[in-house]
Every structure is written in structure tokens, then in C-alpha cells.
Amino acid sequence: MDRSVDFYTRFLGLKLLGRHEIPQNNAEIAFLQDPEGKGARLELTLYRDQKKFMQAEYEDRVFDHLAFEVKDMGKTVSMMRKEGITITDEPYRLRPGGSLIAFIEDPDGTLIELIESK
């Protein structure tokens, strides 16, 4: 959980709202949100009895990715690269003048789209 909270707060700028133990499931949950408190909340759940998490191969995934807006794609990707974050797709535009996007993986292999709107 610490690794994921660090990732989402440090690289994506989310604010940790709280962490809570769920003794019935031997689990812990953490809630994060943008610093202004205007966006959706992200809930992370750690099940301590789960020994292994395997992300399905890309073509077999039912759930594809999360997306987050970033203010400065170059700075964000550069900082992530220095910290060893997996960059699966370097920044690119789908059309001229469109938003700049890139794809990365969080510490557990969840695919995340970064979007810099213009």
C-alpha cells in the first residue's frame, strides 16, 4: 500500500485523504483525490491474504486503463523515467493540435494514460 500511495501522491499529485483497516477482510483501504477536492476519489485496496497479483496480458484485459490529467507531460514523464516507472507509450498526439498523451504503469502494472490538454 505504501508503494502505491507514494506513486499516486508523488507522481500524479493526488492527496491522501485517509487510510483505514478492514479487519473482516484482513485488508487496508486508502482514499486519494486531487488537491482541490474537485475530482473523483481513487480508492486503493490491499488484501493482505492475497499472495500474488497478476495483470492479464493486454489483449485479455477486460479493464483497460485509468486516465489522469497532467499539467506538464515532459516534466511528469521525465520524473517518472528517473524513478524507474515503466513508460509503455512515449508522449504522442492522436491528431495535430490535440491533447498530448502517454501511457505508463503503476507499481502493480495497472495501465495509466497521462493526458496534457492544450
C-alpha atoms as a PDB file:
ATOM      1  CA  MET A   1       0.000   0.000   0.000  1.00  0.00           C
ATOM      2  CA  ASP A   2       2.809   2.405   0.880  1.00  0.00           C
ATOM      3  CA  ARG A   3       4.332   1.972  -2.586  1.00  0.00           C
ATOM      4  CA  SER A   4       1.031   2.730  -4.336  1.00  0.00           C
ATOM      5  CA  VAL A   5       0.163   5.716  -2.125  1.00  0.00           C
ATOM      6  CA  ASP A   6       3.645   7.119  -2.775  1.00  0.00           C
ATOM      7  CA  PHE A   7       3.225   6.650  -6.542  1.00  0.00           C
ATOM      8  CA  TYR A   8      -0.172   8.360  -6.794  1.00  0.00           C
ATOM      9  CA  THR A   9       0.750  11.243  -4.482  1.00  0.00           C
ATOM     10  CA  ARG A  10       4.253  11.903  -5.770  1.00  0.00           C
ATOM     11  CA  PHE A  11       3.783  11.387  -9.496  1.00  0.00           C
ATOM     12  CA  LEU A  12       0.127  12.247 -10.095  1.00  0.00           C
ATOM     13  CA  GLY A  13      -0.291  14.885  -7.412  1.00  0.00           C
ATOM     14  CA  LEU A  14      -3.156  13.243  -5.563  1.00  0.00           C
ATOM     15  CA  LYS A  15      -3.692  13.959  -1.885  1.00  0.00           C
ATOM     16  CA  LEU A  16      -4.089  11.126   0.613  1.00  0.00           C
ATOM     17  CA  LEU A  17      -7.443  11.610   2.343  1.00  0.00           C
ATOM     18  CA  GLY A  18      -7.130   8.657   4.685  1.00  0.00           C
ATOM     19  CA  ARG A  19      -6.224   5.032   5.252  1.00  0.00           C
ATOM     20  CA  HIS A  20      -8.379   2.525   7.104  1.00  0.00           C
ATOM     21  CA  GLU A  21      -8.040  -1.070   8.230  1.00  0.00           C
ATOM     22  CA  ILE A  22     -10.774  -3.540   7.249  1.00  0.00           C
ATOM     23  CA  PRO A  23     -10.251  -6.365   9.756  1.00  0.00           C
ATOM     24  CA  GLN A  24     -13.073  -8.515   8.314  1.00  0.00           C
ATOM     25  CA  ASN A  25     -11.066  -8.953   5.080  1.00  0.00           C
ATOM     26  CA  ASN A  26      -7.571  -8.527   6.528  1.00  0.00           C
ATOM     27  CA  ALA A  27      -7.348  -5.522   4.214  1.00  0.00           C
ATOM     28  CA  GLU A  28      -6.465  -1.853   4.155  1.00  0.00           C
ATOM     29  CA  ILE A  29      -8.017   0.865   2.016  1.00  0.00           C
ATOM     30  CA  ALA A  30      -6.681   4.277   1.096  1.00  0.00           C
ATOM     31  CA  PHE A  31      -8.604   7.157  -0.440  1.00  0.00           C
ATOM     32  CA  LEU A  32      -6.907   9.762  -2.630  1.00  0.00           C
ATOM     33  CA  GLN A  33      -8.182  12.803  -4.517  1.00  0.00           C
ATOM     34  CA  ASP A  34      -6.902  15.824  -6.398  1.00  0.00           C
ATOM     35  CA  PRO A  35      -5.570  18.556  -4.056  1.00  0.00           C
ATOM     36  CA  GLU A  36      -8.538  20.853  -4.764  1.00  0.00           C
ATOM     37  CA  GLY A  37     -11.001  18.113  -3.813  1.00  0.00           C
ATOM     38  CA  LYS A  38     -12.981  18.591  -7.031  1.00  0.00           C
ATOM     39  CA  GLY A  39     -12.336  15.338  -8.866  1.00  0.00           C
ATOM     40  CA  ALA A  40     -13.345  11.754  -8.267  1.00  0.00           C
ATOM     41  CA  ARG A  41     -11.804   9.850  -5.383  1.00  0.00           C
ATOM     42  CA  LEU A  42      -9.475   6.961  -6.037  1.00  0.00           C
ATOM     43  CA  GLU A  43      -9.774   4.007  -3.662  1.00  0.00           C
ATOM     44  CA  LEU A  44      -6.869   1.595  -3.330  1.00  0.00           C
ATOM     45  CA  THR A  45      -7.402  -1.740  -1.578  1.00  0.00           C
ATOM     46  CA  LEU A  46      -4.691  -4.033  -0.245  1.00  0.00           C
ATOM     47  CA  TYR A  47      -5.789  -7.578   0.598  1.00  0.00           C
ATOM     48  CA  ARG A  48      -3.065  -8.961   2.854  1.00  0.00           C
ATOM     49  CA  ASP A  49      -4.078 -12.601   2.274  1.00  0.00           C
ATOM     50  CA  GLN A  50      -3.687 -12.235  -1.489  1.00  0.00           C
ATOM     51  CA  LYS A  51      -0.178 -13.500  -2.192  1.00  0.00           C
ATOM     52  CA  LYS A  52       0.117 -12.728  -5.878  1.00  0.00           C
ATOM     53  CA  PHE A  53      -1.414 -10.190  -8.236  1.00  0.00           C
ATOM     54  CA  MET A  54      -1.180 -10.891 -11.943  1.00  0.00           C
ATOM     55  CA  GLN A  55      -2.311  -8.418 -14.550  1.00  0.00           C
ATOM     56  CA  ALA A  56      -3.777 -10.170 -17.588  1.00  0.00           C
ATOM     57  CA  GLU A  57      -1.994  -9.789 -20.910  1.00  0.00           C
ATOM     58  CA  TYR A  58      -3.086  -6.597 -22.653  1.00  0.00           C
ATOM     59  CA  GLU A  59      -5.312  -8.370 -25.197  1.00  0.00           C
ATOM     60  CA  ASP A  60      -7.067 -10.332 -22.421  1.00  0.00           C
ATOM     61  CA  ARG A  61      -7.863  -7.392 -20.146  1.00  0.00           C
ATOM     62  CA  VAL A  62     -11.494  -6.544 -19.549  1.00  0.00           C
ATOM     63  CA  PHE A  63     -10.499  -3.361 -17.714  1.00  0.00           C
ATOM     64  CA  ASP A  64      -8.095  -1.370 -19.849  1.00  0.00           C
ATOM     65  CA  HIS A  65      -6.739   1.672 -18.023  1.00  0.00           C
ATOM     66  CA  LEU A  66      -7.190   4.704 -15.780  1.00  0.00           C
ATOM     67  CA  ALA A  67      -6.545   8.227 -17.067  1.00  0.00           C
ATOM     68  CA  PHE A  68      -5.168  11.281 -15.270  1.00  0.00           C
ATOM     69  CA  GLU A  69      -4.643  14.828 -16.487  1.00  0.00           C
ATOM     70  CA  VAL A  70      -1.145  16.242 -16.009  1.00  0.00           C
ATOM     71  CA  LYS A  71      -0.072  19.864 -16.367  1.00  0.00           C
ATOM     72  CA  ASP A  72       3.373  19.250 -17.887  1.00  0.00           C
ATOM     73  CA  MET A  73       3.820  15.975 -19.764  1.00  0.00           C
ATOM     74  CA  GLY A  74       7.544  16.417 -20.322  1.00  0.00           C
ATOM     75  CA  LYS A  75       8.270  17.094 -16.667  1.00  0.00           C
ATOM     76  CA  THR A  76       5.982  14.291 -15.459  1.00  0.00           C
ATOM     77  CA  VAL A  77       7.374  11.635 -17.804  1.00  0.00           C
ATOM     78  CA  SER A  78      10.951  12.729 -17.147  1.00  0.00           C
ATOM     79  CA  MET A  79      10.482  12.458 -13.376  1.00  0.00           C
ATOM     80  CA  MET A  80       8.833   9.038 -13.757  1.00  0.00           C
ATOM     81  CA  ARG A  81      11.590   7.783 -16.025  1.00  0.00           C
ATOM     82  CA  LYS A  82      14.258   8.831 -13.492  1.00  0.00           C
ATOM     83  CA  GLU A  83      12.404   6.834 -10.819  1.00  0.00           C
ATOM     84  CA  GLY A  84      12.187   3.711 -12.992  1.00  0.00           C
ATOM     85  CA  ILE A  85       8.465   3.904 -13.762  1.00  0.00           C
ATOM     86  CA  THR A  86       7.541   1.857 -16.834  1.00  0.00           C
ATOM     87  CA  ILE A  87       6.647   4.131 -19.771  1.00  0.00           C
ATOM     88  CA  THR A  88       4.713   1.882 -22.154  1.00  0.00           C
ATOM     89  CA  ASP A  89       3.951   4.578 -24.773  1.00  0.00           C
ATOM     90  CA  GLU A  90       6.013   7.733 -25.101  1.00  0.00           C
ATOM     91  CA  PRO A  91       4.062  11.029 -25.377  1.00  0.00           C
ATOM     92  CA  TYR A  92       2.226  11.496 -28.673  1.00  0.00           C
ATOM     93  CA  ARG A  93      -0.794  13.229 -30.207  1.00  0.00           C
ATOM     94  CA  LEU A  94      -3.648  11.370 -31.877  1.00  0.00           C
ATOM     95  CA  ARG A  95      -4.164  14.351 -34.190  1.00  0.00           C
ATOM     96  CA  PRO A  96      -2.351  17.635 -34.833  1.00  0.00           C
ATOM     97  CA  GLY A  97      -3.178  20.161 -32.128  1.00  0.00           C
ATOM     98  CA  GLY A  98      -4.845  17.525 -29.961  1.00  0.00           C
ATOM     99  CA  SER A  99      -4.034  16.591 -26.408  1.00  0.00           C
ATOM    100  CA  LEU A 100      -0.658  15.058 -25.665  1.00  0.00           C
ATOM    101  CA  ILE A 101      -0.998  11.548 -24.228  1.00  0.00           C
ATOM    102  CA  ALA A 102       1.324   8.871 -22.877  1.00  0.00           C
ATOM    103  CA  PHE A 103       0.855   5.540 -21.141  1.00  0.00           C
ATOM    104  CA  ILE A 104       2.653   4.302 -18.047  1.00  0.00           C
ATOM    105  CA  GLU A 105       2.222   1.515 -15.498  1.00  0.00           C
ATOM    106  CA  ASP A 106       1.661   1.977 -11.785  1.00  0.00           C
ATOM    107  CA  PRO A 107       3.654  -0.173  -9.317  1.00  0.00           C
ATOM    108  CA  ASP A 108       1.186  -3.048  -9.738  1.00  0.00           C
ATOM    109  CA  GLY A 109       1.126  -2.961 -13.534  1.00  0.00           C
ATOM    110  CA  THR A 110      -2.142  -1.052 -13.968  1.00  0.00           C
ATOM    111  CA  LEU A 111      -2.045   0.835 -17.253  1.00  0.00           C
ATOM    112  CA  ILE A 112      -2.439   4.600 -16.805  1.00  0.00           C
ATOM    113  CA  GLU A 113      -2.990   7.175 -19.509  1.00  0.00           C
ATOM    114  CA  LEU A 114      -1.497  10.626 -18.891  1.00  0.00           C
ATOM    115  CA  ILE A 115      -3.242  13.493 -20.698  1.00  0.00           C
ATOM    116  CA  GLU A 116      -1.930  17.018 -21.175  1.00  0.00           C
ATOM    117  CA  SER A 117      -4.747  19.116 -22.586  1.00  0.00           C
ATOM    118  CA  LYS A 118      -3.915  22.059 -24.814  1.00  0.00           C
END
